Amino acid sequence: MGRHLKQTDLAQLRTSEQAKGNTELQSAYEAIAALHETVGVLQKEVQTLKEGEK
């Protein structure tokens, strides 16, 4: 019985760690998407400035 409880506790710990990891991963993906969008905007601004110099 004690062994079963330990395995259950370990399973719950793994599950909570995976959920935490998924949250962190989701946050990372959102940050990457925001940076990608920012880079696109900056590239358009640079292109506009280059065209203005001509």
N, C-alpha and C. Protein backbone atom coordinates (compact mmCIF):
# COMPACT_ATOMS: atom_id res chain seq x y z
N MET A 1 0.84 -1.19 0.00
CA MET A 1 0.00 0.00 0.00
C MET A 1 0.87 1.25 0.00
N GLY A 2 1.91 1.28 0.83
CA GLY A 2 2.81 2.43 0.89
C GLY A 2 3.48 2.69 -0.44
N ARG A 3 3.86 1.63 -1.11
CA ARG A 3 4.51 1.77 -2.42
C ARG A 3 3.56 2.39 -3.43
N HIS A 4 2.31 1.98 -3.39
CA HIS A 4 1.30 2.52 -4.30
C HIS A 4 1.12 4.02 -4.07
N LEU A 5 1.09 4.42 -2.82
CA LEU A 5 0.95 5.85 -2.52
C LEU A 5 2.13 6.64 -3.05
N LYS A 6 3.32 6.09 -2.91
CA LYS A 6 4.51 6.79 -3.40
C LYS A 6 4.45 6.94 -4.92
N GLN A 7 4.05 5.89 -5.61
CA GLN A 7 3.94 5.97 -7.07
C GLN A 7 2.89 6.99 -7.48
N THR A 8 1.79 7.03 -6.75
CA THR A 8 0.74 8.00 -7.04
C THR A 8 1.26 9.42 -6.81
N ASP A 9 1.98 9.62 -5.72
CA ASP A 9 2.55 10.94 -5.43
C ASP A 9 3.52 11.35 -6.53
N LEU A 10 4.34 10.41 -6.97
CA LEU A 10 5.29 10.71 -8.06
C LEU A 10 4.55 11.05 -9.34
N ALA A 11 3.49 10.33 -9.63
CA ALA A 11 2.70 10.59 -10.83
C ALA A 11 2.07 11.98 -10.77
N GLN A 12 1.56 12.34 -9.59
CA GLN A 12 0.97 13.68 -9.44
C GLN A 12 2.03 14.76 -9.59
N LEU A 13 3.22 14.51 -9.05
CA LEU A 13 4.32 15.47 -9.16
C LEU A 13 4.72 15.64 -10.63
N ARG A 14 4.83 14.53 -11.34
CA ARG A 14 5.18 14.60 -12.77
C ARG A 14 4.13 15.38 -13.55
N THR A 15 2.87 15.10 -13.25
CA THR A 15 1.77 15.79 -13.94
C THR A 15 1.83 17.28 -13.69
N SER A 16 2.06 17.68 -12.44
CA SER A 16 2.10 19.11 -12.13
C SER A 16 3.32 19.76 -12.78
N GLU A 17 4.44 19.06 -12.84
CA GLU A 17 5.63 19.60 -13.49
C GLU A 17 5.42 19.74 -14.99
N GLN A 18 4.73 18.76 -15.59
CA GLN A 18 4.45 18.84 -17.03
C GLN A 18 3.53 20.01 -17.33
N ALA A 19 2.53 20.21 -16.50
CA ALA A 19 1.61 21.34 -16.70
C ALA A 19 2.37 22.65 -16.58
N LYS A 20 3.26 22.73 -15.60
CA LYS A 20 4.07 23.93 -15.42
C LYS A 20 4.95 24.15 -16.64
N GLY A 21 5.57 23.08 -17.13
CA GLY A 21 6.42 23.17 -18.31
C GLY A 21 5.64 23.61 -19.52
N ASN A 22 4.43 23.10 -19.67
CA ASN A 22 3.61 23.48 -20.82
C ASN A 22 3.23 24.96 -20.75
N THR A 23 2.98 25.46 -19.55
CA THR A 23 2.66 26.88 -19.38
C THR A 23 3.85 27.73 -19.78
N GLU A 24 5.03 27.33 -19.33
CA GLU A 24 6.24 28.07 -19.68
C GLU A 24 6.50 28.00 -21.18
N LEU A 25 6.25 26.84 -21.76
CA LEU A 25 6.44 26.68 -23.20
C LEU A 25 5.45 27.55 -23.97
N GLN A 26 4.22 27.60 -23.52
CA GLN A 26 3.21 28.44 -24.16
C GLN A 26 3.62 29.91 -24.08
N SER A 27 4.11 30.32 -22.93
CA SER A 27 4.57 31.71 -22.77
C SER A 27 5.73 32.00 -23.71
N ALA A 28 6.62 31.05 -23.87
CA ALA A 28 7.75 31.23 -24.77
C ALA A 28 7.27 31.37 -26.21
N TYR A 29 6.33 30.54 -26.61
CA TYR A 29 5.79 30.63 -27.98
C TYR A 29 5.12 31.99 -28.21
N GLU A 30 4.39 32.46 -27.21
CA GLU A 30 3.73 33.77 -27.34
C GLU A 30 4.77 34.89 -27.47
N ALA A 31 5.84 34.79 -26.71
CA ALA A 31 6.90 35.80 -26.79
C ALA A 31 7.57 35.77 -28.16
N ILE A 32 7.81 34.59 -28.68
CA ILE A 32 8.42 34.45 -30.01
C ILE A 32 7.50 35.03 -31.07
N ALA A 33 6.21 34.76 -30.97
CA ALA A 33 5.24 35.29 -31.94
C ALA A 33 5.23 36.82 -31.89
N ALA A 34 5.28 37.39 -30.68
CA ALA A 34 5.29 38.85 -30.54
C ALA A 34 6.56 39.43 -31.14
N LEU A 35 7.69 38.79 -30.90
CA LEU A 35 8.94 39.27 -31.48
C LEU A 35 8.92 39.18 -33.00
N HIS A 36 8.37 38.11 -33.51
CA HIS A 36 8.27 37.94 -34.96
C HIS A 36 7.45 39.07 -35.58
N GLU A 37 6.36 39.41 -34.93
CA GLU A 37 5.51 40.50 -35.41
C GLU A 37 6.26 41.83 -35.36
N THR A 38 6.98 42.05 -34.27
CA THR A 38 7.76 43.29 -34.12
C THR A 38 8.83 43.39 -35.20
N VAL A 39 9.50 42.29 -35.48
CA VAL A 39 10.53 42.29 -36.53
C VAL A 39 9.90 42.65 -37.87
N GLY A 40 8.73 42.11 -38.16
CA GLY A 40 8.04 42.43 -39.41
C GLY A 40 7.74 43.91 -39.53
N VAL A 41 7.26 44.50 -38.45
CA VAL A 41 6.95 45.94 -38.45
C VAL A 41 8.24 46.75 -38.66
N LEU A 42 9.29 46.37 -37.96
CA LEU A 42 10.56 47.09 -38.10
C LEU A 42 11.13 46.96 -39.51
N GLN A 43 10.99 45.79 -40.11
CA GLN A 43 11.47 45.61 -41.48
C GLN A 43 10.72 46.53 -42.44
N LYS A 44 9.42 46.69 -42.24
CA LYS A 44 8.63 47.59 -43.09
C LYS A 44 9.09 49.03 -42.89
N GLU A 45 9.36 49.41 -41.64
CA GLU A 45 9.83 50.77 -41.37
C GLU A 45 11.18 51.02 -42.03
N VAL A 46 12.08 50.06 -41.95
CA VAL A 46 13.39 50.20 -42.59
C VAL A 46 13.23 50.34 -44.09
N GLN A 47 12.37 49.53 -44.67
CA GLN A 47 12.14 49.61 -46.11
C GLN A 47 11.58 50.98 -46.49
N THR A 48 10.67 51.51 -45.70
CA THR A 48 10.10 52.83 -45.96
C THR A 48 11.20 53.90 -45.89
N LEU A 49 12.05 53.79 -44.89
CA LEU A 49 13.15 54.76 -44.75
C LEU A 49 14.12 54.67 -45.93
N LYS A 50 14.43 53.47 -46.36
CA LYS A 50 15.33 53.29 -47.52
C LYS A 50 14.73 53.92 -48.77
N GLU A 51 13.44 53.73 -48.96
CA GLU A 51 12.77 54.30 -50.13
C GLU A 51 12.76 55.81 -50.05
N GLY A 52 12.67 56.37 -48.86
CA GLY A 52 12.68 57.82 -48.68
C GLY A 52 14.04 58.43 -48.98
N GLU A 53 15.11 57.68 -48.83
CA GLU A 53 16.46 58.17 -49.09
C GLU A 53 16.74 58.26 -50.58
N LYS A 54 16.05 57.51 -51.38
CA LYS A 54 16.35 57.45 -52.82
C LYS A 54 15.94 58.72 -53.53
